[in-house]
């Protein structure tokens, strides 16, 4: 036994230097039986979860941007009919959509020199919009009904711009009755 002590004194036993001692602590270590022990501290678990969440957000954002660009390309390409893609053996299906009913536009709105009108209120039913038009006409406004998709807009007047004194005065009078009135391009 004394010989062993003597031999240990002759040689210097140092631990081998590692390149990145801080990074080595992250990786798992082997125990005496050769099994790998994985140890995580709470800080490491939180750090790993934050990295995973950030990477998921980045992948999602890139996918959204790619989807937007692909969507634009597919809309453009679907607008053009490519004859080489159509073959004689496959019938082409055409879907006919019902046409929207044409609502006559009043004379005051047809004037090209007056592109703005005031939208006083919007209704989903035409009869309630007609009642509001008759009420506004009794109060002295030039009210009309304009259909926009499935809504009926109660519009008042026709104005060349939004900034003139006549336009601002009319809007303030309408806002006394309907506080959410606004200008709209026709």
N, C-alpha and C. Protein backbone atom coordinates (compact mmCIF):
# COMPACT_ATOMS: atom_id res chain seq x y z
N UNK A 1 0.80 -1.19 0.00
CA UNK A 1 0.00 0.00 0.00
C UNK A 1 0.85 1.26 0.00
N UNK A 2 1.94 1.19 0.67
CA UNK A 2 2.79 2.36 0.72
C UNK A 2 3.35 2.68 -0.65
N UNK A 3 3.52 1.66 -1.46
CA UNK A 3 4.02 1.89 -2.80
C UNK A 3 3.03 2.72 -3.62
N UNK A 4 1.77 2.45 -3.44
CA UNK A 4 0.77 3.21 -4.18
C UNK A 4 0.83 4.68 -3.83
N UNK A 5 0.97 4.97 -2.57
CA UNK A 5 1.08 6.36 -2.16
C UNK A 5 2.33 6.98 -2.77
N UNK A 6 3.37 6.22 -2.83
CA UNK A 6 4.61 6.71 -3.38
C UNK A 6 4.45 7.03 -4.86
N UNK A 7 3.79 6.15 -5.60
CA UNK A 7 3.60 6.38 -7.01
C UNK A 7 2.70 7.59 -7.26
N UNK A 8 1.67 7.80 -6.45
CA UNK A 8 0.80 8.94 -6.62
C UNK A 8 1.55 10.24 -6.37
N UNK A 9 2.51 10.19 -5.51
CA UNK A 9 3.28 11.39 -5.25
C UNK A 9 4.19 11.72 -6.43
N UNK A 10 4.61 10.74 -7.19
CA UNK A 10 5.49 10.98 -8.32
C UNK A 10 4.79 11.67 -9.50
N UNK A 11 3.53 11.34 -9.69
CA UNK A 11 2.79 11.88 -10.84
C UNK A 11 1.76 12.89 -10.38
N UNK A 12 1.58 13.89 -11.19
CA UNK A 12 0.55 14.89 -10.89
C UNK A 12 -0.73 14.46 -11.61
N UNK A 13 -1.75 14.25 -10.83
CA UNK A 13 -3.04 13.89 -11.42
C UNK A 13 -3.93 15.12 -11.45
N UNK A 14 -4.23 15.57 -12.64
CA UNK A 14 -5.12 16.72 -12.80
C UNK A 14 -6.36 16.29 -13.57
N UNK A 15 -7.41 16.97 -13.30
CA UNK A 15 -8.62 16.71 -14.08
C UNK A 15 -8.39 17.28 -15.48
N UNK A 16 -8.85 16.57 -16.51
CA UNK A 16 -8.67 17.12 -17.86
C UNK A 16 -9.49 18.40 -18.03
N UNK A 17 -8.89 19.38 -18.70
CA UNK A 17 -9.58 20.66 -18.90
C UNK A 17 -10.60 20.49 -20.02
N UNK A 18 -11.73 21.05 -19.80
CA UNK A 18 -12.79 20.98 -20.81
C UNK A 18 -12.88 22.33 -21.51
N UNK A 19 -13.34 22.29 -22.76
CA UNK A 19 -13.38 23.51 -23.55
C UNK A 19 -14.41 24.50 -23.01
N UNK A 20 -15.59 24.04 -22.77
CA UNK A 20 -16.67 24.92 -22.32
C UNK A 20 -17.25 24.34 -21.02
N UNK A 21 -16.66 24.67 -19.89
CA UNK A 21 -17.11 24.04 -18.64
C UNK A 21 -18.55 24.40 -18.27
N UNK A 22 -19.04 25.58 -18.67
CA UNK A 22 -20.43 25.96 -18.35
C UNK A 22 -21.42 25.14 -19.18
N UNK A 23 -21.09 24.88 -20.46
CA UNK A 23 -21.99 24.11 -21.31
C UNK A 23 -22.03 22.63 -20.92
N UNK A 24 -20.94 22.14 -20.36
CA UNK A 24 -20.89 20.73 -19.97
C UNK A 24 -21.91 20.44 -18.88
N UNK A 25 -22.21 21.43 -18.06
CA UNK A 25 -23.16 21.21 -16.97
C UNK A 25 -24.59 21.02 -17.48
N UNK A 26 -24.86 21.43 -18.70
CA UNK A 26 -26.20 21.28 -19.27
C UNK A 26 -26.46 19.84 -19.70
N UNK A 27 -25.43 19.20 -20.27
CA UNK A 27 -25.60 17.87 -20.82
C UNK A 27 -25.68 16.82 -19.72
N UNK A 28 -26.35 15.69 -19.99
CA UNK A 28 -26.47 14.66 -18.96
C UNK A 28 -25.13 14.01 -18.64
N UNK A 29 -25.01 13.51 -17.42
CA UNK A 29 -23.79 12.86 -16.94
C UNK A 29 -24.08 11.38 -16.71
N UNK A 30 -23.06 10.56 -16.87
CA UNK A 30 -23.22 9.13 -16.63
C UNK A 30 -22.90 8.83 -15.17
N UNK A 31 -23.70 7.97 -14.56
CA UNK A 31 -23.42 7.58 -13.18
C UNK A 31 -22.47 6.38 -13.17
N UNK A 32 -22.25 5.76 -12.02
CA UNK A 32 -21.28 4.68 -11.88
C UNK A 32 -21.68 3.41 -12.63
N UNK A 33 -22.96 3.18 -12.83
CA UNK A 33 -23.42 1.96 -13.49
C UNK A 33 -23.49 2.13 -15.01
N UNK A 34 -23.18 3.28 -15.54
CA UNK A 34 -23.22 3.50 -16.97
C UNK A 34 -24.55 4.05 -17.45
N UNK A 35 -25.50 4.23 -16.55
CA UNK A 35 -26.78 4.81 -16.93
C UNK A 35 -26.63 6.33 -17.00
N UNK A 36 -27.44 6.93 -17.82
CA UNK A 36 -27.37 8.38 -17.97
C UNK A 36 -28.39 9.02 -17.04
N UNK A 37 -27.92 9.97 -16.28
CA UNK A 37 -28.82 10.72 -15.41
C UNK A 37 -29.12 12.06 -16.06
N UNK A 38 -30.37 12.39 -16.15
CA UNK A 38 -30.75 13.69 -16.70
C UNK A 38 -31.25 14.53 -15.55
N UNK A 39 -30.59 15.64 -15.37
CA UNK A 39 -31.00 16.53 -14.30
C UNK A 39 -31.33 17.90 -14.89
N UNK A 40 -32.46 18.39 -14.53
CA UNK A 40 -32.87 19.72 -14.96
C UNK A 40 -33.24 20.53 -13.73
N UNK A 41 -32.80 21.76 -13.73
CA UNK A 41 -33.23 22.66 -12.68
C UNK A 41 -34.46 23.41 -13.18
N UNK A 42 -35.13 24.09 -12.31
CA UNK A 42 -36.32 24.84 -12.70
C UNK A 42 -35.97 25.92 -13.71
N UNK A 43 -34.81 26.54 -13.55
CA UNK A 43 -34.39 27.59 -14.49
C UNK A 43 -34.20 27.03 -15.89
N UNK A 44 -33.62 25.81 -15.98
CA UNK A 44 -33.42 25.21 -17.30
C UNK A 44 -34.75 24.85 -17.95
N UNK A 45 -35.67 24.34 -17.17
CA UNK A 45 -37.00 23.99 -17.71
C UNK A 45 -37.69 25.25 -18.24
N UNK A 46 -37.63 26.33 -17.49
CA UNK A 46 -38.26 27.59 -17.93
C UNK A 46 -37.57 28.10 -19.18
N UNK A 47 -36.23 28.06 -19.22
CA UNK A 47 -35.50 28.53 -20.39
C UNK A 47 -35.85 27.71 -21.62
N UNK A 48 -35.90 26.40 -21.47
CA UNK A 48 -36.24 25.53 -22.60
C UNK A 48 -37.65 25.80 -23.08
N UNK A 49 -38.60 25.98 -22.18
CA UNK A 49 -39.98 26.25 -22.59
C UNK A 49 -40.09 27.61 -23.28
N UNK A 50 -39.35 28.60 -22.83
CA UNK A 50 -39.38 29.91 -23.49
C UNK A 50 -38.81 29.81 -24.90
N UNK A 51 -37.72 29.07 -25.07
CA UNK A 51 -37.13 28.90 -26.39
C UNK A 51 -38.10 28.18 -27.32
N UNK A 52 -38.78 27.16 -26.82
CA UNK A 52 -39.75 26.43 -27.64
C UNK A 52 -40.91 27.34 -28.04
N UNK A 53 -41.43 28.13 -27.12
CA UNK A 53 -42.55 29.03 -27.43
C UNK A 53 -42.14 30.08 -28.45
N UNK A 54 -40.96 30.67 -28.28
CA UNK A 54 -40.49 31.68 -29.23
C UNK A 54 -40.31 31.07 -30.62
N UNK A 55 -39.75 29.87 -30.69
CA UNK A 55 -39.58 29.24 -32.00
C UNK A 55 -40.93 28.91 -32.63
N UNK A 56 -41.92 28.51 -31.83
CA UNK A 56 -43.25 28.25 -32.38
C UNK A 56 -43.88 29.53 -32.92
N UNK A 57 -43.70 30.63 -32.22
CA UNK A 57 -44.25 31.91 -32.68
C UNK A 57 -43.58 32.33 -33.99
N UNK A 58 -42.28 32.14 -34.09
CA UNK A 58 -41.58 32.51 -35.33
C UNK A 58 -42.04 31.64 -36.49
N UNK A 59 -42.18 30.34 -36.26
CA UNK A 59 -42.66 29.45 -37.32
C UNK A 59 -44.08 29.82 -37.74
N UNK A 60 -44.93 30.16 -36.78
CA UNK A 60 -46.30 30.57 -37.09
C UNK A 60 -46.31 31.85 -37.91
N UNK A 61 -45.51 32.83 -37.52
CA UNK A 61 -45.47 34.11 -38.25
C UNK A 61 -44.97 33.90 -39.66
N UNK A 62 -43.96 33.07 -39.83
CA UNK A 62 -43.47 32.79 -41.18
C UNK A 62 -44.52 32.08 -42.02
N UNK A 63 -45.28 31.19 -41.40
CA UNK A 63 -46.35 30.51 -42.12
C UNK A 63 -47.45 31.45 -42.55
N UNK A 64 -47.78 32.41 -41.69
CA UNK A 64 -48.80 33.39 -42.04
C UNK A 64 -48.33 34.23 -43.21
N UNK A 65 -47.08 34.68 -43.16
CA UNK A 65 -46.56 35.49 -44.27
C UNK A 65 -46.52 34.69 -45.57
N UNK A 66 -46.14 33.42 -45.49
CA UNK A 66 -46.13 32.59 -46.69
C UNK A 66 -47.54 32.39 -47.21
N UNK A 67 -48.49 32.19 -46.29
CA UNK A 67 -49.89 32.03 -46.70
C UNK A 67 -50.44 33.26 -47.38
N UNK A 68 -50.04 34.43 -46.89
CA UNK A 68 -50.49 35.66 -47.54
C UNK A 68 -49.94 35.75 -48.95
N UNK A 69 -48.67 35.45 -49.12
CA UNK A 69 -48.07 35.55 -50.45
C UNK A 69 -48.63 34.48 -51.39
N UNK A 70 -48.85 33.27 -50.89
CA UNK A 70 -49.43 32.21 -51.71
C UNK A 70 -50.87 32.55 -52.05
N UNK A 71 -51.60 33.16 -51.12
CA UNK A 71 -52.99 33.55 -51.36
C UNK A 71 -53.08 34.57 -52.48
N UNK A 72 -52.16 35.52 -52.50
CA UNK A 72 -52.16 36.51 -53.57
C UNK A 72 -51.88 35.86 -54.91
N UNK A 73 -50.94 34.95 -54.94
CA UNK A 73 -50.58 34.30 -56.19
C UNK A 73 -51.73 33.44 -56.68
N UNK A 74 -52.40 32.71 -55.76
CA UNK A 74 -53.49 31.84 -56.19
C UNK A 74 -54.69 32.65 -56.67
N UNK A 75 -54.92 33.82 -56.08
CA UNK A 75 -56.02 34.66 -56.55
C UNK A 75 -55.71 35.17 -57.95
N UNK A 76 -54.48 35.59 -58.17
CA UNK A 76 -54.09 36.09 -59.48
C UNK A 76 -54.13 34.98 -60.51
N UNK A 77 -53.62 33.80 -60.16
CA UNK A 77 -53.59 32.72 -61.12
C UNK A 77 -54.98 32.15 -61.38
N UNK A 78 -55.88 32.21 -60.38
CA UNK A 78 -57.22 31.70 -60.61
C UNK A 78 -58.05 32.66 -61.46
N UNK A 79 -57.65 33.92 -61.51
CA UNK A 79 -58.37 34.88 -62.33
C UNK A 79 -58.09 34.66 -63.81
N UNK A 80 -56.93 34.13 -64.12
CA UNK A 80 -56.57 33.86 -65.51
C UNK A 80 -56.90 32.41 -65.82
N UNK A 81 -57.61 32.17 -66.90
CA UNK A 81 -57.93 30.81 -67.32
C UNK A 81 -56.79 30.32 -68.18
N UNK A 82 -56.23 29.20 -67.79
CA UNK A 82 -55.11 28.64 -68.54
C UNK A 82 -55.64 27.52 -69.41
N UNK A 83 -55.63 27.72 -70.73
CA UNK A 83 -56.23 26.72 -71.61
C UNK A 83 -55.51 25.38 -71.60
N UNK A 84 -54.20 25.34 -71.33
CA UNK A 84 -53.51 24.05 -71.35
C UNK A 84 -53.92 23.17 -70.18
N UNK A 85 -54.45 23.76 -69.12
CA UNK A 85 -54.89 22.97 -67.97
C UNK A 85 -56.26 22.34 -68.22
N UNK A 86 -57.04 22.91 -69.11
CA UNK A 86 -58.35 22.36 -69.40
C UNK A 86 -58.20 21.26 -70.45
N UNK A 87 -58.83 20.16 -70.22
CA UNK A 87 -58.77 19.08 -71.20
C UNK A 87 -60.18 18.84 -71.75
N UNK A 88 -60.22 18.19 -72.89
CA UNK A 88 -61.50 17.93 -73.55
C UNK A 88 -62.32 16.90 -72.78
N UNK A 89 -61.67 16.00 -72.05
CA UNK A 89 -62.41 14.92 -71.40
C UNK A 89 -63.09 15.36 -70.10
N UNK A 90 -62.60 16.42 -69.48
CA UNK A 90 -63.17 16.85 -68.22
C UNK A 90 -64.15 18.01 -68.45
N UNK A 91 -65.39 17.85 -68.01
CA UNK A 91 -66.34 18.95 -68.17
C UNK A 91 -66.02 20.07 -67.18
N UNK A 92 -66.28 21.28 -67.60
CA UNK A 92 -66.04 22.45 -66.76
C UNK A 92 -67.34 22.81 -66.07
N UNK A 93 -67.30 22.93 -64.74
CA UNK A 93 -68.48 23.28 -63.97
C UNK A 93 -68.51 24.79 -63.78
N UNK A 94 -69.61 25.39 -64.09
CA UNK A 94 -69.78 26.83 -63.93
C UNK A 94 -70.90 27.05 -62.94
N UNK A 95 -70.61 27.83 -61.91
CA UNK A 95 -71.62 28.11 -60.90
C UNK A 95 -72.18 29.51 -61.17
N UNK A 96 -73.48 29.60 -61.31
CA UNK A 96 -74.14 30.86 -61.57
C UNK A 96 -74.73 31.36 -60.26
N UNK A 97 -74.28 32.53 -59.84
CA UNK A 97 -74.78 33.12 -58.61
C UNK A 97 -75.96 34.01 -58.92
N UNK A 98 -76.94 34.06 -58.02
CA UNK A 98 -78.08 34.95 -58.28
C UNK A 98 -77.63 36.41 -58.21
N UNK A 99 -78.18 37.19 -59.09
CA UNK A 99 -77.81 38.60 -59.14
C UNK A 99 -78.48 39.37 -58.01
N UNK A 100 -77.77 40.37 -57.49
CA UNK A 100 -78.35 41.21 -56.45
C UNK A 100 -79.38 42.14 -57.09
N UNK A 101 -80.47 42.38 -56.38
CA UNK A 101 -81.45 43.30 -56.94
C UNK A 101 -80.86 44.70 -57.05
N UNK A 102 -81.16 45.34 -58.15
CA UNK A 102 -80.63 46.68 -58.39
C UNK A 102 -81.55 47.69 -57.72
N UNK A 103 -80.95 48.46 -56.84
CA UNK A 103 -81.71 49.49 -56.14
C UNK A 103 -81.48 50.80 -56.89
N UNK A 104 -82.54 51.48 -57.28
CA UNK A 104 -82.35 52.73 -58.00
C UNK A 104 -81.66 53.76 -57.11
N UNK A 105 -80.67 54.44 -57.67
CA UNK A 105 -79.94 55.45 -56.94
C UNK A 105 -80.63 56.79 -57.15
N UNK A 106 -80.91 57.51 -56.08
CA UNK A 106 -81.59 58.79 -56.19
C UNK A 106 -80.78 59.80 -57.00
N UNK A 107 -81.46 60.80 -57.55
CA UNK A 107 -80.83 61.83 -58.38
C UNK A 107 -79.73 62.57 -57.63
N UNK A 108 -79.96 62.84 -56.34
CA UNK A 108 -78.96 63.60 -55.59
C UNK A 108 -77.66 62.82 -55.42
N UNK A 109 -77.74 61.50 -55.46
CA UNK A 109 -76.55 60.69 -55.28
C UNK A 109 -75.87 60.40 -56.61
N UNK A 110 -76.58 60.44 -57.72
CA UNK A 110 -76.01 60.14 -59.03
C UNK A 110 -75.03 61.20 -59.51
N UNK A 111 -75.09 62.38 -58.98
CA UNK A 111 -74.24 63.46 -59.45
C UNK A 111 -72.78 63.12 -59.18
N UNK A 112 -71.95 63.15 -60.24
CA UNK A 112 -70.55 62.76 -60.14
C UNK A 112 -69.75 63.81 -59.38
N UNK A 113 -70.15 65.06 -59.44
CA UNK A 113 -69.41 66.12 -58.78
C UNK A 113 -69.57 66.12 -57.28
N UNK A 114 -70.47 65.32 -56.75
CA UNK A 114 -70.67 65.26 -55.31
C UNK A 114 -70.45 63.82 -54.84
N UNK A 115 -69.21 63.46 -54.54
CA UNK A 115 -68.92 62.06 -54.23
C UNK A 115 -69.24 61.62 -52.80
N UNK A 116 -69.57 62.57 -51.90
CA UNK A 116 -69.80 62.20 -50.51
C UNK A 116 -71.26 62.32 -50.13
N UNK A 117 -71.66 61.47 -49.21
CA UNK A 117 -72.98 61.55 -48.61
C UNK A 117 -72.82 61.27 -47.11
N UNK A 118 -73.83 61.63 -46.34
CA UNK A 118 -73.79 61.37 -44.91
C UNK A 118 -74.65 60.15 -44.62
N UNK A 119 -74.04 59.15 -43.98
CA UNK A 119 -74.79 57.96 -43.56
C UNK A 119 -75.26 58.23 -42.14
N UNK A 120 -76.55 58.39 -42.00
CA UNK A 120 -77.11 58.71 -40.69
C UNK A 120 -77.23 57.45 -39.83
N UNK A 121 -77.80 56.40 -40.41
CA UNK A 121 -78.05 55.17 -39.66
C UNK A 121 -78.15 54.02 -40.66
N UNK A 122 -77.92 52.79 -40.19
CA UNK A 122 -77.97 51.60 -41.03
C UNK A 122 -78.95 50.60 -40.44
N UNK A 123 -79.75 49.97 -41.32
CA UNK A 123 -80.73 48.99 -40.88
C UNK A 123 -80.57 47.70 -41.68
N UNK A 124 -81.04 46.61 -41.11
CA UNK A 124 -81.05 45.34 -41.83
C UNK A 124 -82.38 45.13 -42.55
N UNK A 125 -83.40 45.85 -42.12
CA UNK A 125 -84.73 45.72 -42.76
C UNK A 125 -85.05 47.00 -43.51
N UNK A 126 -85.60 46.82 -44.70
CA UNK A 126 -85.91 47.97 -45.54
C UNK A 126 -87.06 48.79 -44.99
N UNK A 127 -88.04 48.14 -44.37
CA UNK A 127 -89.20 48.89 -43.87
C UNK A 127 -88.82 49.83 -42.72
N UNK A 128 -87.90 49.40 -41.86
CA UNK A 128 -87.47 50.30 -40.78
C UNK A 128 -86.63 51.44 -41.33
N UNK A 129 -85.85 51.17 -42.39
CA UNK A 129 -85.08 52.24 -43.04
C UNK A 129 -86.03 53.24 -43.69
N UNK A 130 -87.13 52.76 -44.30
CA UNK A 130 -88.10 53.64 -44.93
C UNK A 130 -88.81 54.52 -43.89
N UNK A 131 -89.10 53.95 -42.72
CA UNK A 131 -89.71 54.75 -41.66
C UNK A 131 -88.76 55.86 -41.20
N UNK A 132 -87.48 55.55 -41.10
CA UNK A 132 -86.50 56.56 -40.68
C UNK A 132 -86.34 57.64 -41.75
N UNK A 133 -86.38 57.25 -43.02
CA UNK A 133 -86.29 58.24 -44.11
C UNK A 133 -87.47 59.19 -44.05
N UNK A 134 -88.67 58.66 -43.84
CA UNK A 134 -89.84 59.54 -43.76
C UNK A 134 -89.76 60.47 -42.54
N UNK A 135 -89.24 59.98 -41.44
CA UNK A 135 -89.08 60.83 -40.25
C UNK A 135 -88.07 61.94 -40.51
N UNK A 136 -86.95 61.59 -41.17
CA UNK A 136 -85.93 62.60 -41.46
C UNK A 136 -86.42 63.62 -42.49
N UNK A 137 -87.24 63.19 -43.45
CA UNK A 137 -87.79 64.13 -44.43
C UNK A 137 -88.74 65.11 -43.77
N UNK A 138 -89.49 64.67 -42.76
CA UNK A 138 -90.37 65.57 -42.02
C UNK A 138 -89.56 66.64 -41.28
N UNK A 139 -88.34 66.28 -40.88
CA UNK A 139 -87.49 67.23 -40.18
C UNK A 139 -86.68 68.11 -41.14
N UNK A 140 -86.85 67.92 -42.44
CA UNK A 140 -86.24 68.81 -43.42
C UNK A 140 -84.96 68.29 -44.07
N UNK A 141 -84.63 67.04 -43.89
CA UNK A 141 -83.42 66.48 -44.51
C UNK A 141 -83.75 65.82 -45.83
N UNK A 142 -82.80 65.82 -46.75
CA UNK A 142 -82.93 65.14 -48.04
C UNK A 142 -82.44 63.70 -47.87
N UNK A 143 -83.28 62.84 -47.31
CA UNK A 143 -82.88 61.48 -46.96
C UNK A 143 -83.29 60.50 -48.04
N UNK A 144 -82.42 59.49 -48.25
CA UNK A 144 -82.68 58.42 -49.21
C UNK A 144 -82.18 57.10 -48.62
N UNK A 145 -82.60 56.00 -49.25
CA UNK A 145 -82.14 54.67 -48.85
C UNK A 145 -81.20 54.15 -49.92
N UNK A 146 -80.04 53.66 -49.49
CA UNK A 146 -79.08 53.04 -50.40
C UNK A 146 -78.78 51.65 -49.83
N UNK A 147 -78.87 50.62 -50.70
CA UNK A 147 -78.59 49.26 -50.24
C UNK A 147 -77.11 48.96 -50.42
N UNK A 148 -76.51 48.42 -49.36
CA UNK A 148 -75.11 47.99 -49.41
C UNK A 148 -75.06 46.58 -48.85
N UNK A 149 -74.86 45.61 -49.71
CA UNK A 149 -74.90 44.18 -49.35
C UNK A 149 -76.28 43.87 -48.76
N UNK A 150 -76.33 43.43 -47.52
CA UNK A 150 -77.61 43.09 -46.91
C UNK A 150 -78.10 44.20 -45.98
N UNK A 151 -77.49 45.37 -46.04
CA UNK A 151 -77.85 46.49 -45.18
C UNK A 151 -78.48 47.61 -46.00
N UNK A 152 -79.32 48.38 -45.32
CA UNK A 152 -79.96 49.53 -45.93
C UNK A 152 -79.46 50.78 -45.21
N UNK A 153 -78.73 51.61 -45.95
CA UNK A 153 -78.16 52.83 -45.38
C UNK A 153 -79.11 53.99 -45.59
N UNK A 154 -79.37 54.73 -44.54
CA UNK A 154 -80.17 55.95 -44.65
C UNK A 154 -79.17 57.08 -44.86
N UNK A 155 -79.13 57.59 -46.09
CA UNK A 155 -78.16 58.61 -46.47
C UNK A 155 -78.84 59.97 -46.59
N UNK A 156 -78.07 61.00 -46.28
CA UNK A 156 -78.60 62.36 -46.33
C UNK A 156 -77.69 63.20 -47.20
N UNK A 157 -78.28 63.79 -48.25
CA UNK A 157 -77.60 64.78 -49.08
C UNK A 157 -76.48 64.23 -49.93
N UNK A 158 -75.85 65.16 -50.67
CA UNK A 158 -74.71 64.87 -51.51
C UNK A 158 -73.78 66.07 -51.41
N UNK A 159 -72.50 65.82 -51.13
CA UNK A 159 -71.55 66.89 -50.86
C UNK A 159 -70.28 66.68 -51.67
N UNK A 160 -69.66 67.77 -52.14
CA UNK A 160 -68.45 67.62 -52.96
C UNK A 160 -67.22 67.19 -52.15
N UNK A 161 -67.19 67.55 -50.87
CA UNK A 161 -66.06 67.16 -50.03
C UNK A 161 -66.51 67.07 -48.58
N UNK A 162 -65.59 66.66 -47.70
CA UNK A 162 -65.92 66.52 -46.29
C UNK A 162 -65.53 67.74 -45.47
N UNK A 163 -64.72 68.62 -46.04
CA UNK A 163 -64.15 69.70 -45.24
C UNK A 163 -64.82 71.05 -45.44
N UNK A 164 -65.72 71.17 -46.36
CA UNK A 164 -66.37 72.47 -46.57
C UNK A 164 -67.31 72.78 -45.40
N UNK A 165 -67.62 74.06 -45.24
CA UNK A 165 -68.47 74.47 -44.12
C UNK A 165 -69.89 73.90 -44.28
N UNK A 166 -70.38 73.83 -45.51
CA UNK A 166 -71.71 73.28 -45.75
C UNK A 166 -71.76 71.80 -45.31
N UNK A 167 -70.71 71.04 -45.64
CA UNK A 167 -70.67 69.62 -45.28
C UNK A 167 -70.59 69.44 -43.77
N UNK A 168 -69.73 70.23 -43.12
CA UNK A 168 -69.57 70.12 -41.67
C UNK A 168 -70.83 70.52 -40.93
N UNK A 169 -71.51 71.55 -41.42
CA UNK A 169 -72.76 71.99 -40.80
C UNK A 169 -73.83 70.90 -40.91
N UNK A 170 -73.95 70.32 -42.11
CA UNK A 170 -74.94 69.25 -42.30
C UNK A 170 -74.63 68.05 -41.41
N UNK A 171 -73.35 67.70 -41.30
CA UNK A 171 -72.99 66.56 -40.46
C UNK A 171 -73.30 66.84 -38.98
N UNK A 172 -73.05 68.05 -38.53
CA UNK A 172 -73.35 68.38 -37.13
C UNK A 172 -74.85 68.35 -36.86
N UNK A 173 -75.68 68.78 -37.83
CA UNK A 173 -77.13 68.71 -37.67
C UNK A 173 -77.61 67.26 -37.61
N UNK A 174 -77.04 66.42 -38.46
CA UNK A 174 -77.44 65.01 -38.47
C UNK A 174 -76.98 64.32 -37.18
N UNK A 175 -75.82 64.71 -36.68
CA UNK A 175 -75.30 64.08 -35.45
C UNK A 175 -76.11 64.47 -34.22
N UNK A 176 -76.91 65.52 -34.30
CA UNK A 176 -77.80 65.84 -33.18
C UNK A 176 -78.89 64.78 -33.06
N UNK A 177 -79.24 64.16 -34.20
CA UNK A 177 -80.27 63.12 -34.21
C UNK A 177 -79.62 61.73 -34.08
N UNK A 178 -78.59 61.48 -34.89
CA UNK A 178 -77.87 60.21 -34.90
C UNK A 178 -76.40 60.50 -34.63
N UNK A 179 -75.94 60.21 -33.42
CA UNK A 179 -74.60 60.61 -33.00
C UNK A 179 -73.48 59.89 -33.76
N UNK A 180 -73.77 58.75 -34.40
CA UNK A 180 -72.75 58.00 -35.10
C UNK A 180 -72.75 58.26 -36.60
N UNK A 181 -73.34 59.34 -37.05
CA UNK A 181 -73.38 59.65 -38.49
C UNK A 181 -71.97 59.93 -38.99
N UNK A 182 -71.73 59.59 -40.28
CA UNK A 182 -70.40 59.76 -40.86
C UNK A 182 -70.51 60.01 -42.35
N UNK A 183 -69.42 60.54 -42.93
CA UNK A 183 -69.35 60.73 -44.37
C UNK A 183 -68.95 59.42 -45.04
N UNK A 184 -69.48 59.21 -46.24
CA UNK A 184 -69.17 57.99 -47.00
C UNK A 184 -69.03 58.35 -48.46
N UNK A 185 -68.03 57.75 -49.10
CA UNK A 185 -67.93 57.89 -50.55
C UNK A 185 -69.06 57.10 -51.19
N UNK A 186 -69.60 57.64 -52.28
CA UNK A 186 -70.71 56.93 -52.90
C UNK A 186 -70.27 55.96 -53.92
